Amino acid sequence: MTATGNQIDLSRVECCSLTEGPIEADQAQRLAAMFKALADPTRLRLLSHVTAQGCQDVCACDLTEELQITQPTVSHHMKKLVDAGLVTREQRGKWAHYSVVPGALEELRELLNLS
């Protein structure tokens, strides 16, 4: 696919389909919840900081400093990401620690991997 300015050369656009066919209702519900959680810019930034750590977890205290947002705001948005199944939360003393749910981002990637 090529783009010139704001125009796309439609003669070079290939037809696309989901590689494994239509998704089931339960999978659609789960993925929709993930996409809904990611539709917020603050949550998207928070998730990107957690994923940047790879397999290591991230303390909420580090997220407040890095993003310059308050702890209650971090807690609110991270709860949405936890509820959507994108990250896990572990309480350690005063602070919560977050890590990416293995396979969650891959599931989104597979759905969006149109061929």
PDB file of N, CA and C in Angstrom:
ATOM      1  N   MET A   1       0.844  -1.154   0.000  1.00  0.00           N
ATOM      2  CA  MET A   1       0.000   0.000   0.000  1.00  0.00           C
ATOM      3  C   MET A   1       0.902   1.233   0.000  1.00  0.00           C
ATOM      4  N   THR A   2       0.651   2.154  -0.878  1.00  0.00           N
ATOM      5  CA  THR A   2       1.445   3.374  -0.920  1.00  0.00           C
ATOM      6  C   THR A   2       0.540   4.557  -0.691  1.00  0.00           C
ATOM      7  N   ALA A   3       1.088   5.579  -0.128  1.00  0.00           N
ATOM      8  CA  ALA A   3       0.327   6.801   0.112  1.00  0.00           C
ATOM      9  C   ALA A   3       1.093   7.979  -0.451  1.00  0.00           C
ATOM     10  N   THR A   4       0.391   8.831  -1.128  1.00  0.00           N
ATOM     11  CA  THR A   4       0.978  10.047  -1.659  1.00  0.00           C
ATOM     12  C   THR A   4       0.228  11.200  -1.018  1.00  0.00           C
ATOM     13  N   GLY A   5       0.894  11.926  -0.133  1.00  0.00           N
ATOM     14  CA  GLY A   5       0.192  12.976   0.592  1.00  0.00           C
ATOM     15  C   GLY A   5      -0.904  12.348   1.425  1.00  0.00           C
ATOM     16  N   ASN A   6      -2.144  12.749   1.179  1.00  0.00           N
ATOM     17  CA  ASN A   6      -3.287  12.196   1.897  1.00  0.00           C
ATOM     18  C   ASN A   6      -4.043  11.170   1.074  1.00  0.00           C
ATOM     19  N   GLN A   7      -3.547  10.816  -0.094  1.00  0.00           N
ATOM     20  CA  GLN A   7      -4.246   9.883  -0.957  1.00  0.00           C
ATOM     21  C   GLN A   7      -3.577   8.510  -0.920  1.00  0.00           C
ATOM     22  N   ILE A   8      -4.418   7.483  -0.962  1.00  0.00           N
ATOM     23  CA  ILE A   8      -3.929   6.103  -1.000  1.00  0.00           C
ATOM     24  C   ILE A   8      -4.189   5.563  -2.396  1.00  0.00           C
ATOM     25  N   ASP A   9      -3.201   4.933  -2.968  1.00  0.00           N
ATOM     26  CA  ASP A   9      -3.334   4.325  -4.284  1.00  0.00           C
ATOM     27  C   ASP A   9      -4.135   3.035  -4.130  1.00  0.00           C
ATOM     28  N   LEU A  10      -5.457   3.101  -4.384  1.00  0.00           N
ATOM     29  CA  LEU A  10      -6.336   1.957  -4.187  1.00  0.00           C
ATOM     30  C   LEU A  10      -6.047   0.809  -5.137  1.00  0.00           C
ATOM     31  N   SER A  11      -5.371   1.061  -6.238  1.00  0.00           N
ATOM     32  CA  SER A  11      -5.041  -0.016  -7.161  1.00  0.00           C
ATOM     33  C   SER A  11      -4.023  -0.981  -6.562  1.00  0.00           C
ATOM     34  N   ARG A  12      -3.341  -0.559  -5.506  1.00  0.00           N
ATOM     35  CA  ARG A  12      -2.327  -1.409  -4.881  1.00  0.00           C
ATOM     36  C   ARG A  12      -2.800  -2.004  -3.562  1.00  0.00           C
ATOM     37  N   VAL A  13      -4.033  -1.705  -3.150  1.00  0.00           N
ATOM     38  CA  VAL A  13      -4.570  -2.228  -1.902  1.00  0.00           C
ATOM     39  C   VAL A  13      -5.080  -3.639  -2.135  1.00  0.00           C
ATOM     40  N   GLU A  14      -4.638  -4.564  -1.296  1.00  0.00           N
ATOM     41  CA  GLU A  14      -5.068  -5.951  -1.410  1.00  0.00           C
ATOM     42  C   GLU A  14      -6.252  -6.195  -0.490  1.00  0.00           C
ATOM     43  N   CYS A  15      -7.090  -7.140  -0.859  1.00  0.00           N
ATOM     44  CA  CYS A  15      -8.220  -7.541  -0.029  1.00  0.00           C
ATOM     45  C   CYS A  15      -7.666  -8.156   1.256  1.00  0.00           C
ATOM     46  N   CYS A  16      -8.349  -7.929   2.352  1.00  0.00           N
ATOM     47  CA  CYS A  16      -7.857  -8.497   3.606  1.00  0.00           C
ATOM     48  C   CYS A  16      -8.949  -9.324   4.268  1.00  0.00           C
ATOM     49  N   SER A  17      -8.528 -10.263   5.099  1.00  0.00           N
ATOM     50  CA  SER A  17      -9.463 -11.081   5.858  1.00  0.00           C
ATOM     51  C   SER A  17      -8.805 -11.484   7.161  1.00  0.00           C
ATOM     52  N   LEU A  18      -9.622 -11.880   8.117  1.00  0.00           N
ATOM     53  CA  LEU A  18      -9.072 -12.428   9.348  1.00  0.00           C
ATOM     54  C   LEU A  18      -8.457 -13.774   9.010  1.00  0.00           C
ATOM     55  N   THR A  19      -7.267 -14.014   9.495  1.00  0.00           N
ATOM     56  CA  THR A  19      -6.547 -15.215   9.097  1.00  0.00           C
ATOM     57  C   THR A  19      -7.216 -16.491   9.566  1.00  0.00           C
ATOM     58  N   GLU A  20      -7.932 -16.468  10.679  1.00  0.00           N
ATOM     59  CA  GLU A  20      -8.554 -17.680  11.189  1.00  0.00           C
ATOM     60  C   GLU A  20     -10.065 -17.649  11.070  1.00  0.00           C
ATOM     61  N   GLY A  21     -10.614 -16.737  10.323  1.00  0.00           N
ATOM     62  CA  GLY A  21     -12.061 -16.654  10.163  1.00  0.00           C
ATOM     63  C   GLY A  21     -12.704 -15.782  11.219  1.00  0.00           C
ATOM     64  N   PRO A  22     -14.030 -15.730  11.202  1.00  0.00           N
ATOM     65  CA  PRO A  22     -14.756 -14.896  12.164  1.00  0.00           C
ATOM     66  C   PRO A  22     -14.509 -15.352  13.600  1.00  0.00           C
ATOM     67  N   ILE A  23     -14.540 -14.415  14.518  1.00  0.00           N
ATOM     68  CA  ILE A  23     -14.307 -14.748  15.928  1.00  0.00           C
ATOM     69  C   ILE A  23     -15.639 -15.080  16.608  1.00  0.00           C
ATOM     70  N   GLU A  24     -15.547 -15.845  17.667  1.00  0.00           N
ATOM     71  CA  GLU A  24     -16.715 -16.244  18.447  1.00  0.00           C
ATOM     72  C   GLU A  24     -17.165 -15.094  19.349  1.00  0.00           C
ATOM     73  N   ALA A  25     -18.398 -15.173  19.833  1.00  0.00           N
ATOM     74  CA  ALA A  25     -18.991 -14.114  20.644  1.00  0.00           C
ATOM     75  C   ALA A  25     -18.197 -13.841  21.921  1.00  0.00           C
ATOM     76  N   ASP A  26     -17.759 -14.890  22.620  1.00  0.00           N
ATOM     77  CA  ASP A  26     -17.017 -14.685  23.866  1.00  0.00           C
ATOM     78  C   ASP A  26     -15.667 -14.017  23.615  1.00  0.00           C
ATOM     79  N   GLN A  27     -15.010 -14.398  22.534  1.00  0.00           N
ATOM     80  CA  GLN A  27     -13.743 -13.765  22.177  1.00  0.00           C
ATOM     81  C   GLN A  27     -13.966 -12.312  21.783  1.00  0.00           C
ATOM     82  N   ALA A  28     -15.054 -12.042  21.080  1.00  0.00           N
ATOM     83  CA  ALA A  28     -15.380 -10.665  20.693  1.00  0.00           C
ATOM     84  C   ALA A  28     -15.607  -9.799  21.924  1.00  0.00           C
ATOM     85  N   GLN A  29     -16.291 -10.341  22.936  1.00  0.00           N
ATOM     86  CA  GLN A  29     -16.522  -9.598  24.177  1.00  0.00           C
ATOM     87  C   GLN A  29     -15.203  -9.270  24.869  1.00  0.00           C
ATOM     88  N   ARG A  30     -14.336 -10.262  24.989  1.00  0.00           N
ATOM     89  CA  ARG A  30     -13.049 -10.078  25.659  1.00  0.00           C
ATOM     90  C   ARG A  30     -12.177  -9.069  24.924  1.00  0.00           C
ATOM     91  N   LEU A  31     -12.093  -9.201  23.597  1.00  0.00           N
ATOM     92  CA  LEU A  31     -11.268  -8.285  22.809  1.00  0.00           C
ATOM     93  C   LEU A  31     -11.838  -6.871  22.815  1.00  0.00           C
ATOM     94  N   ALA A  32     -13.167  -6.758  22.779  1.00  0.00           N
ATOM     95  CA  ALA A  32     -13.791  -5.436  22.824  1.00  0.00           C
ATOM     96  C   ALA A  32     -13.457  -4.725  24.131  1.00  0.00           C
ATOM     97  N   ALA A  33     -13.444  -5.468  25.236  1.00  0.00           N
ATOM     98  CA  ALA A  33     -13.078  -4.882  26.531  1.00  0.00           C
ATOM     99  C   ALA A  33     -11.634  -4.385  26.511  1.00  0.00           C
ATOM    100  N   MET A  34     -10.755  -5.153  25.865  1.00  0.00           N
ATOM    101  CA  MET A  34      -9.352  -4.730  25.760  1.00  0.00           C
ATOM    102  C   MET A  34      -9.231  -3.466  24.925  1.00  0.00           C
ATOM    103  N   PHE A  35      -9.895  -3.452  23.772  1.00  0.00           N
ATOM    104  CA  PHE A  35      -9.827  -2.276  22.911  1.00  0.00           C
ATOM    105  C   PHE A  35     -10.434  -1.053  23.595  1.00  0.00           C
ATOM    106  N   LYS A  36     -11.521  -1.260  24.327  1.00  0.00           N
ATOM    107  CA  LYS A  36     -12.152  -0.150  25.041  1.00  0.00           C
ATOM    108  C   LYS A  36     -11.189   0.431  26.074  1.00  0.00           C
ATOM    109  N   ALA A  37     -10.494  -0.442  26.799  1.00  0.00           N
ATOM    110  CA  ALA A  37      -9.517   0.023  27.787  1.00  0.00           C
ATOM    111  C   ALA A  37      -8.385   0.797  27.121  1.00  0.00           C
ATOM    112  N   LEU A  38      -7.993   0.371  25.929  1.00  0.00           N
ATOM    113  CA  LEU A  38      -6.887   1.017  25.223  1.00  0.00           C
ATOM    114  C   LEU A  38      -7.298   2.292  24.499  1.00  0.00           C
ATOM    115  N   ALA A  39      -8.595   2.586  24.465  1.00  0.00           N
ATOM    116  CA  ALA A  39      -9.078   3.770  23.751  1.00  0.00           C
ATOM    117  C   ALA A  39      -8.808   5.064  24.510  1.00  0.00           C
ATOM    118  N   ASP A  40      -8.262   4.980  25.692  1.00  0.00           N
ATOM    119  CA  ASP A  40      -7.942   6.166  26.490  1.00  0.00           C
ATOM    120  C   ASP A  40      -6.446   6.460  26.395  1.00  0.00           C
ATOM    121  N   PRO A  41      -6.071   7.703  26.074  1.00  0.00           N
ATOM    122  CA  PRO A  41      -4.643   8.028  25.909  1.00  0.00           C
ATOM    123  C   PRO A  41      -3.805   7.788  27.163  1.00  0.00           C
ATOM    124  N   THR A  42      -4.353   8.063  28.335  1.00  0.00           N
ATOM    125  CA  THR A  42      -3.590   7.842  29.567  1.00  0.00           C
ATOM    126  C   THR A  42      -3.346   6.354  29.780  1.00  0.00           C
ATOM    127  N   ARG A  43      -4.364   5.539  29.566  1.00  0.00           N
ATOM    128  CA  ARG A  43      -4.181   4.088  29.725  1.00  0.00           C
ATOM    129  C   ARG A  43      -3.220   3.534  28.690  1.00  0.00           C
ATOM    130  N   LEU A  44      -3.272   4.053  27.498  1.00  0.00           N
ATOM    131  CA  LEU A  44      -2.344   3.614  26.460  1.00  0.00           C
ATOM    132  C   LEU A  44      -0.906   3.942  26.859  1.00  0.00           C
ATOM    133  N   ARG A  45      -0.697   5.126  27.410  1.00  0.00           N
ATOM    134  CA  ARG A  45       0.646   5.502  27.873  1.00  0.00           C
ATOM    135  C   ARG A  45       1.091   4.624  29.037  1.00  0.00           C
ATOM    136  N   LEU A  46       0.180   4.376  29.981  1.00  0.00           N
ATOM    137  CA  LEU A  46       0.524   3.521  31.118  1.00  0.00           C
ATOM    138  C   LEU A  46       0.905   2.123  30.651  1.00  0.00           C
ATOM    139  N   LEU A  47       0.101   1.556  29.765  1.00  0.00           N
ATOM    140  CA  LEU A  47       0.405   0.222  29.258  1.00  0.00           C
ATOM    141  C   LEU A  47       1.740   0.201  28.522  1.00  0.00           C
ATOM    142  N   SER A  48       2.028   1.239  27.776  1.00  0.00           N
ATOM    143  CA  SER A  48       3.301   1.263  27.041  1.00  0.00           C
ATOM    144  C   SER A  48       4.485   1.295  28.007  1.00  0.00           C
ATOM    145  N   HIS A  49       4.318   1.958  29.148  1.00  0.00           N
ATOM    146  CA  HIS A  49       5.402   1.971  30.139  1.00  0.00           C
ATOM    147  C   HIS A  49       5.573   0.602  30.789  1.00  0.00           C
ATOM    148  N   VAL A  50       4.467  -0.075  31.042  1.00  0.00           N
ATOM    149  CA  VAL A  50       4.562  -1.410  31.643  1.00  0.00           C
ATOM    150  C   VAL A  50       5.170  -2.386  30.638  1.00  0.00           C
ATOM    151  N   THR A  51       4.727  -2.344  29.389  1.00  0.00           N
ATOM    152  CA  THR A  51       5.256  -3.272  28.388  1.00  0.00           C
ATOM    153  C   THR A  51       6.726  -3.005  28.082  1.00  0.00           C
ATOM    154  N   ALA A  52       7.155  -1.764  28.245  1.00  0.00           N
ATOM    155  CA  ALA A  52       8.561  -1.421  27.983  1.00  0.00           C
ATOM    156  C   ALA A  52       9.498  -2.117  28.968  1.00  0.00           C
ATOM    157  N   GLN A  53       8.969  -2.571  30.095  1.00  0.00           N
ATOM    158  CA  GLN A  53       9.781  -3.251  31.097  1.00  0.00           C
ATOM    159  C   GLN A  53       9.950  -4.735  30.789  1.00  0.00           C
ATOM    160  N   GLY A  54       9.267  -5.196  29.745  1.00  0.00           N
ATOM    161  CA  GLY A  54       9.374  -6.618  29.383  1.00  0.00           C
ATOM    162  C   GLY A  54       8.728  -7.493  30.426  1.00  0.00           C
ATOM    163  N   CYS A  55       9.475  -8.435  30.950  1.00  0.00           N
ATOM    164  CA  CYS A  55       8.938  -9.398  31.912  1.00  0.00           C
ATOM    165  C   CYS A  55       8.949  -8.876  33.346  1.00  0.00           C
ATOM    166  N   GLN A  56       9.574  -7.753  33.579  1.00  0.00           N
ATOM    167  CA  GLN A  56       9.634  -7.202  34.931  1.00  0.00           C
ATOM    168  C   GLN A  56       8.355  -6.437  35.247  1.00  0.00           C
ATOM    169  N   ASP A  57       7.988  -6.453  36.530  1.00  0.00           N
ATOM    170  CA  ASP A  57       6.814  -5.681  36.916  1.00  0.00           C
ATOM    171  C   ASP A  57       7.206  -4.230  37.169  1.00  0.00           C
ATOM    172  N   VAL A  58       6.202  -3.370  37.233  1.00  0.00           N
ATOM    173  CA  VAL A  58       6.419  -1.939  37.411  1.00  0.00           C
ATOM    174  C   VAL A  58       5.638  -1.476  38.621  1.00  0.00           C
ATOM    175  N   CYS A  59       6.300  -0.723  39.482  1.00  0.00           N
ATOM    176  CA  CYS A  59       5.649  -0.155  40.654  1.00  0.00           C
ATOM    177  C   CYS A  59       4.820   1.060  40.234  1.00  0.00           C
ATOM    178  N   ALA A  60       3.629   1.182  40.820  1.00  0.00           N
ATOM    179  CA  ALA A  60       2.780   2.341  40.536  1.00  0.00           C
ATOM    180  C   ALA A  60       3.512   3.638  40.856  1.00  0.00           C
ATOM    181  N   CYS A  61       4.399   3.598  41.837  1.00  0.00           N
ATOM    182  CA  CYS A  61       5.149   4.805  42.203  1.00  0.00           C
ATOM    183  C   CYS A  61       6.029   5.285  41.046  1.00  0.00           C
ATOM    184  N   ASP A  62       6.540   4.349  40.255  1.00  0.00           N
ATOM    185  CA  ASP A  62       7.347   4.723  39.089  1.00  0.00           C
ATOM    186  C   ASP A  62       6.488   5.315  37.982  1.00  0.00           C
ATOM    187  N   LEU A  63       5.258   4.836  37.874  1.00  0.00           N
ATOM    188  CA  LEU A  63       4.365   5.352  36.840  1.00  0.00           C
ATOM    189  C   LEU A  63       3.932   6.784  37.147  1.00  0.00           C
ATOM    190  N   THR A  64       3.742   7.100  38.419  1.00  0.00           N
ATOM    191  CA  THR A  64       3.332   8.469  38.770  1.00  0.00           C
ATOM    192  C   THR A  64       4.434   9.456  38.425  1.00  0.00           C
ATOM    193  N   GLU A  65       5.657   9.103  38.734  1.00  0.00           N
ATOM    194  CA  GLU A  65       6.789   9.983  38.453  1.00  0.00           C
ATOM    195  C   GLU A  65       7.029  10.124  36.950  1.00  0.00           C
ATOM    196  N   GLU A  66       7.030   9.000  36.269  1.00  0.00           N
ATOM    197  CA  GLU A  66       7.342   8.984  34.840  1.00  0.00           C
ATOM    198  C   GLU A  66       6.323   9.770  34.017  1.00  0.00           C
ATOM    199  N   LEU A  67       5.042   9.599  34.333  1.00  0.00           N
ATOM    200  CA  LEU A  67       3.981  10.229  33.540  1.00  0.00           C
ATOM    201  C   LEU A  67       3.486  11.550  34.119  1.00  0.00           C
ATOM    202  N   GLN A  68       3.994  11.903  35.295  1.00  0.00           N
ATOM    203  CA  GLN A  68       3.582  13.144  35.955  1.00  0.00           C
ATOM    204  C   GLN A  68       2.068  13.187  36.181  1.00  0.00           C
ATOM    205  N   ILE A  69       1.522  12.065  36.691  1.00  0.00           N
ATOM    206  CA  ILE A  69       0.114  12.005  37.064  1.00  0.00           C
ATOM    207  C   ILE A  69       0.019  11.505  38.497  1.00  0.00           C
ATOM    208  N   THR A  70      -1.083  11.793  39.154  1.00  0.00           N
ATOM    209  CA  THR A  70      -1.230  11.449  40.562  1.00  0.00           C
ATOM    210  C   THR A  70      -1.459   9.957  40.757  1.00  0.00           C
ATOM    211  N   GLN A  71      -1.196   9.504  41.972  1.00  0.00           N
ATOM    212  CA  GLN A  71      -1.386   8.093  42.306  1.00  0.00           C
ATOM    213  C   GLN A  71      -2.837   7.660  42.141  1.00  0.00           C
ATOM    214  N   PRO A  72      -3.831   8.463  42.571  1.00  0.00           N
ATOM    215  CA  PRO A  72      -5.219   8.038  42.344  1.00  0.00           C
ATOM    216  C   PRO A  72      -5.555   7.891  40.859  1.00  0.00           C
ATOM    217  N   THR A  73      -4.987   8.743  40.027  1.00  0.00           N
ATOM    218  CA  THR A  73      -5.228   8.647  38.580  1.00  0.00           C
ATOM    219  C   THR A  73      -4.599   7.377  38.021  1.00  0.00           C
ATOM    220  N   VAL A  74      -3.390   7.075  38.452  1.00  0.00           N
ATOM    221  CA  VAL A  74      -2.740   5.832  38.023  1.00  0.00           C
ATOM    222  C   VAL A  74      -3.585   4.637  38.455  1.00  0.00           C
ATOM    223  N   SER A  75      -4.026   4.617  39.700  1.00  0.00           N
ATOM    224  CA  SER A  75      -4.829   3.500  40.211  1.00  0.00           C
ATOM    225  C   SER A  75      -6.116   3.324  39.420  1.00  0.00           C
ATOM    226  N   HIS A  76      -6.785   4.418  39.131  1.00  0.00           N
ATOM    227  CA  HIS A  76      -8.033   4.361  38.364  1.00  0.00           C
ATOM    228  C   HIS A  76      -7.813   3.733  36.991  1.00  0.00           C
ATOM    229  N   HIS A  77      -6.829   4.235  36.275  1.00  0.00           N
ATOM    230  CA  HIS A  77      -6.578   3.752  34.916  1.00  0.00           C
ATOM    231  C   HIS A  77      -6.006   2.337  34.902  1.00  0.00           C
ATOM    232  N   MET A  78      -5.160   2.020  35.857  1.00  0.00           N
ATOM    233  CA  MET A  78      -4.595   0.671  35.891  1.00  0.00           C
ATOM    234  C   MET A  78      -5.667  -0.361  36.241  1.00  0.00           C
ATOM    235  N   LYS A  79      -6.648   0.021  37.057  1.00  0.00           N
ATOM    236  CA  LYS A  79      -7.758  -0.890  37.352  1.00  0.00           C
ATOM    237  C   LYS A  79      -8.507  -1.241  36.067  1.00  0.00           C
ATOM    238  N   LYS A  80      -8.690  -0.276  35.194  1.00  0.00           N
ATOM    239  CA  LYS A  80      -9.361  -0.541  33.909  1.00  0.00           C
ATOM    240  C   LYS A  80      -8.546  -1.525  33.074  1.00  0.00           C
ATOM    241  N   LEU A  81      -7.224  -1.371  33.088  1.00  0.00           N
ATOM    242  CA  LEU A  81      -6.357  -2.285  32.334  1.00  0.00           C
ATOM    243  C   LEU A  81      -6.359  -3.690  32.947  1.00  0.00           C
ATOM    244  N   VAL A  82      -6.408  -3.760  34.274  1.00  0.00           N
ATOM    245  CA  VAL A  82      -6.493  -5.057  34.953  1.00  0.00           C
ATOM    246  C   VAL A  82      -7.825  -5.722  34.620  1.00  0.00           C
ATOM    247  N   ASP A  83      -8.919  -4.969  34.741  1.00  0.00           N
ATOM    248  CA  ASP A  83     -10.253  -5.513  34.460  1.00  0.00           C
ATOM    249  C   ASP A  83     -10.380  -5.991  33.012  1.00  0.00           C
ATOM    250  N   ALA A  84      -9.670  -5.345  32.107  1.00  0.00           N
ATOM    251  CA  ALA A  84      -9.710  -5.732  30.688  1.00  0.00           C
ATOM    252  C   ALA A  84      -8.827  -6.941  30.393  1.00  0.00           C
ATOM    253  N   GLY A  85      -8.041  -7.376  31.377  1.00  0.00           N
ATOM    254  CA  GLY A  85      -7.193  -8.545  31.181  1.00  0.00           C
ATOM    255  C   GLY A  85      -5.873  -8.255  30.497  1.00  0.00           C
ATOM    256  N   LEU A  86      -5.462  -6.985  30.521  1.00  0.00           N
ATOM    257  CA  LEU A  86      -4.202  -6.623  29.866  1.00  0.00           C
ATOM    258  C   LEU A  86      -3.008  -6.653  30.814  1.00  0.00           C
ATOM    259  N   VAL A  87      -3.225  -6.347  32.081  1.00  0.00           N
ATOM    260  CA  VAL A  87      -2.149  -6.364  33.078  1.00  0.00           C
ATOM    261  C   VAL A  87      -2.641  -7.053  34.347  1.00  0.00           C
ATOM    262  N   THR A  88      -1.687  -7.493  35.153  1.00  0.00           N
ATOM    263  CA  THR A  88      -1.995  -8.045  36.471  1.00  0.00           C
ATOM    264  C   THR A  88      -1.504  -7.067  37.526  1.00  0.00           C
ATOM    265  N   ARG A  89      -2.097  -7.185  38.707  1.00  0.00           N
ATOM    266  CA  ARG A  89      -1.747  -6.297  39.825  1.00  0.00           C
ATOM    267  C   ARG A  89      -1.373  -7.143  41.023  1.00  0.00           C
ATOM    268  N   GLU A  90      -0.252  -6.783  41.659  1.00  0.00           N
ATOM    269  CA  GLU A  90       0.181  -7.450  42.884  1.00  0.00           C
ATOM    270  C   GLU A  90       0.488  -6.373  43.912  1.00  0.00           C
ATOM    271  N   GLN A  91      -0.154  -6.455  45.064  1.00  0.00           N
ATOM    272  CA  GLN A  91       0.072  -5.486  46.125  1.00  0.00           C
ATOM    273  C   GLN A  91       1.312  -5.870  46.910  1.00  0.00           C
ATOM    274  N   ARG A  92       2.230  -4.936  47.066  1.00  0.00           N
ATOM    275  CA  ARG A  92       3.446  -5.151  47.878  1.00  0.00           C
ATOM    276  C   ARG A  92       3.575  -3.972  48.824  1.00  0.00           C
ATOM    277  N   GLY A  93       3.146  -4.194  50.046  1.00  0.00           N
ATOM    278  CA  GLY A  93       3.168  -3.101  51.015  1.00  0.00           C
ATOM    279  C   GLY A  93       2.240  -1.992  50.573  1.00  0.00           C
ATOM    280  N   LYS A  94       2.763  -0.795  50.514  1.00  0.00           N
ATOM    281  CA  LYS A  94       1.975   0.389  50.161  1.00  0.00           C
ATOM    282  C   LYS A  94       1.666   0.476  48.666  1.00  0.00           C
ATOM    283  N   TRP A  95       2.524  -0.102  47.842  1.00  0.00           N
ATOM    284  CA  TRP A  95       2.415   0.105  46.394  1.00  0.00           C
ATOM    285  C   TRP A  95       1.964  -1.135  45.634  1.00  0.00           C
ATOM    286  N   ALA A  96       1.228  -0.891  44.571  1.00  0.00           N
ATOM    287  CA  ALA A  96       0.832  -1.951  43.647  1.00  0.00           C
ATOM    288  C   ALA A  96       1.901  -2.083  42.574  1.00  0.00           C
ATOM    289  N   HIS A  97       2.109  -3.306  42.133  1.00  0.00           N
ATOM    290  CA  HIS A  97       3.053  -3.586  41.051  1.00  0.00           C
ATOM    291  C   HIS A  97       2.282  -4.241  39.923  1.00  0.00           C
ATOM    292  N   TYR A  98       2.583  -3.815  38.699  1.00  0.00           N
ATOM    293  CA  TYR A  98       1.839  -4.266  37.528  1.00  0.00           C
ATOM    294  C   TYR A  98       2.766  -4.950  36.536  1.00  0.00           C
ATOM    295  N   SER A  99       2.208  -5.959  35.861  1.00  0.00           N
ATOM    296  CA  SER A  99       2.939  -6.612  34.774  1.00  0.00           C
ATOM    297  C   SER A  99       1.942  -6.994  33.691  1.00  0.00           C
ATOM    298  N   VAL A 100       2.453  -7.185  32.499  1.00  0.00           N
ATOM    299  CA  VAL A 100       1.619  -7.510  31.347  1.00  0.00           C
ATOM    300  C   VAL A 100       1.144  -8.957  31.447  1.00  0.00           C
ATOM    301  N   VAL A 101      -0.113  -9.194  31.104  1.00  0.00           N
ATOM    302  CA  VAL A 101      -0.654 -10.554  31.057  1.00  0.00           C
ATOM    303  C   VAL A 101      -0.046 -11.241  29.836  1.00  0.00           C
ATOM    304  N   PRO A 102       0.655 -12.350  30.043  1.00  0.00           N
ATOM    305  CA  PRO A 102       1.246 -13.048  28.893  1.00  0.00           C
ATOM    306  C   PRO A 102       0.162 -13.434  27.884  1.00  0.00           C
ATOM    307  N   GLY A 103       0.403 -13.130  26.644  1.00  0.00           N
ATOM    308  CA  GLY A 103      -0.522 -13.503  25.581  1.00  0.00           C
ATOM    309  C   GLY A 103      -1.616 -12.500  25.272  1.00  0.00           C
ATOM    310  N   ALA A 104      -1.889 -11.548  26.170  1.00  0.00           N
ATOM    311  CA  ALA A 104      -2.981 -10.602  25.938  1.00  0.00           C
ATOM    312  C   ALA A 104      -2.712  -9.724  24.718  1.00  0.00           C
ATOM    313  N   LEU A 105      -1.529  -9.179  24.639  1.00  0.00           N
ATOM    314  CA  LEU A 105      -1.207  -8.308  23.505  1.00  0.00           C
ATOM    315  C   LEU A 105      -1.076  -9.118  22.218  1.00  0.00           C
ATOM    316  N   GLU A 106      -0.627 -10.357  22.345  1.00  0.00           N
ATOM    317  CA  GLU A 106      -0.522 -11.220  21.169  1.00  0.00           C
ATOM    318  C   GLU A 106      -1.906 -11.504  20.590  1.00  0.00           C
ATOM    319  N   GLU A 107      -2.881 -11.669  21.458  1.00  0.00           N
ATOM    320  CA  GLU A 107      -4.250 -11.919  20.996  1.00  0.00           C
ATOM    321  C   GLU A 107      -4.782 -10.726  20.200  1.00  0.00           C
ATOM    322  N   LEU A 108      -4.499  -9.519  20.682  1.00  0.00           N
ATOM    323  CA  LEU A 108      -4.898  -8.319  19.943  1.00  0.00           C
ATOM    324  C   LEU A 108      -4.144  -8.223  18.623  1.00  0.00           C
ATOM    325  N   ARG A 109      -2.864  -8.513  18.681  1.00  0.00           N
ATOM    326  CA  ARG A 109      -2.022  -8.451  17.486  1.00  0.00           C
ATOM    327  C   ARG A 109      -2.513  -9.422  16.417  1.00  0.00           C
ATOM    328  N   GLU A 110      -2.870 -10.626  16.830  1.00  0.00           N
ATOM    329  CA  GLU A 110      -3.354 -11.627  15.875  1.00  0.00           C
ATOM    330  C   GLU A 110      -4.639 -11.170  15.190  1.00  0.00           C
ATOM    331  N   LEU A 111      -5.538 -10.565  15.952  1.00  0.00           N
ATOM    332  CA  LEU A 111      -6.783 -10.089  15.368  1.00  0.00           C
ATOM    333  C   LEU A 111      -6.514  -8.982  14.342  1.00  0.00           C
ATOM    334  N   LEU A 112      -5.566  -8.113  14.659  1.00  0.00           N
ATOM    335  CA  LEU A 112      -5.269  -6.985  13.776  1.00  0.00           C
ATOM    336  C   LEU A 112      -4.328  -7.346  12.637  1.00  0.00           C
ATOM    337  N   ASN A 113      -3.736  -8.527  12.706  1.00  0.00           N
ATOM    338  CA  ASN A 113      -2.798  -8.962  11.667  1.00  0.00           C
ATOM    339  C   ASN A 113      -3.591  -9.396  10.428  1.00  0.00           C
ATOM    340  N   LEU A 114      -4.024  -8.427   9.671  1.00  0.00           N
ATOM    341  CA  LEU A 114      -4.796  -8.700   8.464  1.00  0.00           C
ATOM    342  C   LEU A 114      -3.832  -9.024   7.332  1.00  0.00           C
ATOM    343  N   SER A 115      -4.167 -10.037   6.574  1.00  0.00           N
ATOM    344  CA  SER A 115      -3.259 -10.402   5.471  1.00  0.00           C
ATOM    345  C   SER A 115      -3.950 -10.257   4.132  1.00  0.00           C
TER     346      SER A 115
END
